[in-house]
Amino acid sequence: MKGHVRKRDKTWYYQFRLPEKGPDGSEPTETKGGFATEKAAWEACRTAIAAVEGDKHVKKAKTTVKSFLLEWLPAIEMIVDATTYDRRRRRHPRCHPPVGRTPRTPWDDTQLG
C-alpha cells in the first residue's frame, strides 16, 4: 500500500487509499493533516498504513457522541444495575452541550461500557 505526503498552506498532510471499496464502489481514502514537517507526516503515514495492514485501523464514524448516547443509554438499561443506570441517565443530559457534536471516532462501545 502506498501513500503520499503534500503540503497544505503551512502544514503537511498524508493520504492513502484504503483496501476495501465503499458501498458505492468508490475507493475511500485516509487523510490526516496538521503535521509541522514532511518527515512527521511520512512517519504518521507509515504508522497509519501499518495499522490498516494489521487490521488495527479505526474507521471514522459519522455518528456524534450525542447520537451514540441516545442509542446507548436505552440499550444498557436491562444490562446494568438500576443505580448505575439511574446515575448514567442523570449525567447524560449534561454531556450533550460540550461533546454532543464531537465525532465518536476515538471511542468504541466497550470503552463507554
Protein backbone atom coordinates (compact mmCIF):
# COMPACT_ATOMS: atom_id res chain seq x y z
CA MET A 1 0.00 0.00 0.00
CA LYS A 2 1.37 3.40 -0.97
CA GLY A 3 0.63 6.83 0.39
CA HIS A 4 1.72 10.33 -0.35
CA VAL A 5 2.51 13.47 1.61
CA ARG A 6 1.75 17.00 0.48
CA LYS A 7 1.97 20.48 1.87
CA ARG A 8 -1.23 22.40 2.52
CA ASP A 9 -0.64 26.02 3.48
CA LYS A 10 1.90 25.83 6.32
CA THR A 11 1.30 22.23 7.40
CA TRP A 12 1.74 18.80 5.86
CA TYR A 13 -0.79 16.02 5.38
CA TYR A 14 -0.78 12.42 4.25
CA GLN A 15 -3.26 10.47 2.19
CA PHE A 16 -3.58 6.86 1.07
CA ARG A 17 -6.27 4.57 -0.34
CA LEU A 18 -7.92 2.06 1.94
CA PRO A 19 -8.01 -1.53 0.69
CA GLU A 20 -11.79 -2.05 0.89
CA LYS A 21 -14.21 -0.49 -1.54
CA GLY A 22 -17.05 1.72 -0.39
CA PRO A 23 -20.69 0.61 -0.70
CA ASP A 24 -20.98 2.59 -3.93
CA GLY A 25 -17.79 1.11 -5.41
CA SER A 26 -15.66 4.14 -4.58
CA GLU A 27 -12.15 3.87 -3.22
CA PRO A 28 -12.13 5.54 0.21
CA THR A 29 -9.02 7.34 1.36
CA GLU A 30 -7.50 8.03 4.74
CA THR A 31 -6.29 11.61 5.16
CA LYS A 32 -4.80 13.37 8.15
CA GLY A 33 -3.15 16.74 8.30
CA GLY A 34 -1.65 19.31 10.59
CA PHE A 35 1.91 17.99 10.69
CA ALA A 36 4.64 20.59 11.15
CA THR A 37 7.19 18.80 8.97
CA GLU A 38 7.20 16.50 5.99
CA LYS A 39 9.12 13.92 7.99
CA ALA A 40 6.45 13.85 10.72
CA ALA A 41 3.74 13.41 8.08
CA TRP A 42 5.61 10.48 6.50
CA GLU A 43 6.09 8.80 9.88
CA ALA A 44 2.38 9.14 10.67
CA CYS A 45 1.51 7.87 7.19
CA ARG A 46 3.65 4.75 7.64
CA THR A 47 2.10 4.13 11.07
CA ALA A 48 -1.43 4.51 9.69
CA ILE A 49 -0.72 2.19 6.75
CA ALA A 50 0.74 -0.39 9.14
CA ALA A 51 -2.43 -0.15 11.25
CA VAL A 52 -4.60 -0.77 8.18
CA GLU A 53 -2.49 -3.70 7.05
CA GLY A 54 -2.51 -5.17 10.58
CA ASP A 55 -6.32 -4.82 10.87
CA LYS A 56 -5.95 -2.28 13.67
CA HIS A 57 -7.39 0.63 11.74
CA VAL A 58 -10.30 2.51 13.35
CA LYS A 59 -12.78 3.69 10.75
CA LYS A 60 -14.14 7.19 11.01
CA ALA A 61 -17.65 7.25 12.35
CA LYS A 62 -20.31 9.61 11.07
CA THR A 63 -22.21 9.49 14.35
CA THR A 64 -21.72 12.04 17.11
CA VAL A 65 -21.34 11.38 20.80
CA LYS A 66 -24.85 12.72 21.38
CA SER A 67 -26.47 10.38 18.86
CA PHE A 68 -24.46 7.45 20.21
CA LEU A 69 -25.55 8.18 23.78
CA LEU A 70 -29.18 8.46 22.71
CA GLU A 71 -28.94 4.87 21.41
CA TRP A 72 -26.60 3.53 24.07
CA LEU A 73 -28.45 4.59 27.21
CA PRO A 74 -31.69 2.66 26.49
CA ALA A 75 -29.64 -0.33 25.35
CA ILE A 76 -27.87 -0.71 28.71
CA GLU A 77 -30.96 -0.33 30.91
CA MET A 78 -31.56 -4.07 31.24
CA ILE A 79 -27.86 -4.95 31.47
CA VAL A 80 -26.54 -2.75 34.28
CA ASP A 81 -27.61 -2.37 37.88
CA ALA A 82 -30.53 0.01 38.48
CA THR A 83 -28.40 2.51 40.41
CA THR A 84 -25.76 2.52 37.67
CA TYR A 85 -28.40 3.14 35.01
CA ASP A 86 -30.00 5.93 37.06
CA ARG A 87 -26.64 7.63 37.62
CA ARG A 88 -25.78 7.48 33.91
CA ARG A 89 -29.26 8.70 32.95
CA ARG A 90 -28.85 11.75 35.23
CA ARG A 91 -25.37 12.55 33.85
CA HIS A 92 -26.37 12.00 30.22
CA PRO A 93 -28.04 15.40 29.52
CA ARG A 94 -25.10 17.32 30.98
CA CYS A 95 -22.60 15.95 28.49
CA HIS A 96 -24.58 16.95 25.37
CA PRO A 97 -23.56 20.61 25.02
CA PRO A 98 -19.77 20.22 25.37
CA VAL A 99 -19.31 16.97 23.44
CA GLY A 100 -22.61 16.45 21.61
CA ARG A 101 -21.26 17.42 18.20
CA THR A 102 -17.92 15.63 18.65
CA PRO A 103 -17.41 12.68 16.29
CA ARG A 104 -17.11 9.47 18.31
CA THR A 105 -14.25 8.05 16.26
CA PRO A 106 -11.68 7.70 19.07
CA TRP A 107 -14.00 5.55 21.21
CA ASP A 108 -15.71 2.28 20.76
CA ASP A 109 -18.66 0.79 22.59
CA THR A 110 -16.51 -1.17 25.04
CA GLN A 111 -14.76 1.94 26.32
CA LEU A 112 -18.06 3.55 27.34
CA GLY A 113 -19.45 0.36 28.93
